[in-house]
Amino acid sequence: MRTGAVAAGTTLMMLLMSSPALALTRDDGDDPGPGLSAMETIGLYVVAPIVLYLVITGLVMVLDKSKKQA
């Protein structure tokens, strides 16, 4: 019980004492590009890793030099 209270208290204090990221304030030299569309986001973060995984898996299977056991 005491351990849970200490862990919860420590977590709460860290959350309360941490400063926000201030993502809305612009810094000098900050020049963000245009945002991604929904399809570009899905392509970049879903389709591209799956394709990369399949390509690497295919290369490993094709270039595998071990003998097949029958």
Protein backbone atom coordinates (compact mmCIF):
# COMPACT_ATOMS: atom_id res chain seq x y z
CA MET A 1 0.00 0.00 0.00
CA ARG A 2 2.79 2.36 0.92
CA THR A 3 4.71 1.56 -2.27
CA GLY A 4 1.66 2.32 -4.41
CA ALA A 5 1.09 5.61 -2.59
CA VAL A 6 4.72 6.65 -3.07
CA ALA A 7 4.65 5.70 -6.76
CA ALA A 8 1.36 7.55 -7.33
CA GLY A 9 2.60 10.60 -5.43
CA THR A 10 5.87 10.66 -7.33
CA THR A 11 4.06 10.36 -10.67
CA LEU A 12 1.62 13.09 -9.73
CA MET A 13 4.41 15.45 -8.65
CA MET A 14 6.34 14.81 -11.87
CA LEU A 15 3.25 15.59 -13.94
CA LEU A 16 2.50 18.75 -11.99
CA MET A 17 6.07 20.02 -12.09
CA SER A 18 6.76 19.30 -15.75
CA SER A 19 6.45 22.27 -18.04
CA PRO A 20 4.36 22.16 -21.22
CA ALA A 21 6.07 21.59 -24.52
CA LEU A 22 5.12 25.08 -25.70
CA ALA A 23 4.43 23.70 -29.15
CA LEU A 24 2.25 26.67 -30.07
CA THR A 25 4.98 29.27 -29.69
CA ARG A 26 7.15 29.80 -32.74
CA ASP A 27 10.94 29.86 -32.42
CA ASP A 28 13.34 31.93 -34.49
CA GLY A 29 14.08 30.13 -37.74
CA ASP A 30 11.09 27.84 -37.35
CA ASP A 31 9.66 27.15 -40.79
CA PRO A 32 7.27 24.18 -40.70
CA GLY A 33 6.24 22.65 -43.97
CA PRO A 34 2.71 21.91 -45.07
CA GLY A 35 0.84 19.24 -43.13
CA LEU A 36 0.25 15.72 -44.41
CA SER A 37 -3.11 14.62 -45.70
CA ALA A 38 -4.81 11.57 -44.20
CA MET A 39 -3.75 9.35 -47.10
CA GLU A 40 -0.14 10.56 -46.92
CA THR A 41 -0.08 9.87 -43.18
CA ILE A 42 -1.48 6.35 -43.63
CA GLY A 43 0.96 5.70 -46.45
CA LEU A 44 3.93 6.94 -44.44
CA TYR A 45 3.17 5.33 -41.10
CA VAL A 46 1.24 2.19 -42.08
CA VAL A 47 1.87 1.16 -45.69
CA ALA A 48 5.57 2.03 -45.91
CA PRO A 49 6.63 -0.05 -42.86
CA ILE A 50 4.57 -3.02 -44.06
CA VAL A 51 6.12 -2.84 -47.53
CA LEU A 52 9.59 -2.48 -46.03
CA TYR A 53 8.97 -5.52 -43.81
CA LEU A 54 7.78 -7.57 -46.78
CA VAL A 55 10.77 -6.54 -48.91
CA ILE A 56 13.24 -7.47 -46.17
CA THR A 57 11.45 -10.76 -45.53
CA GLY A 58 11.43 -11.56 -49.24
CA LEU A 59 15.14 -10.80 -49.58
CA VAL A 60 15.97 -13.02 -46.62
CA MET A 61 13.89 -15.87 -48.03
CA VAL A 62 15.37 -15.56 -51.54
CA LEU A 63 18.97 -15.15 -50.39
CA ASP A 64 18.79 -17.90 -47.75
CA LYS A 65 21.66 -20.29 -48.45
CA SER A 66 20.78 -22.99 -45.93
CA LYS A 67 19.74 -26.36 -47.24
CA LYS A 68 16.07 -27.21 -47.15
CA GLN A 69 15.23 -30.29 -45.10
CA ALA A 70 12.73 -32.65 -46.69
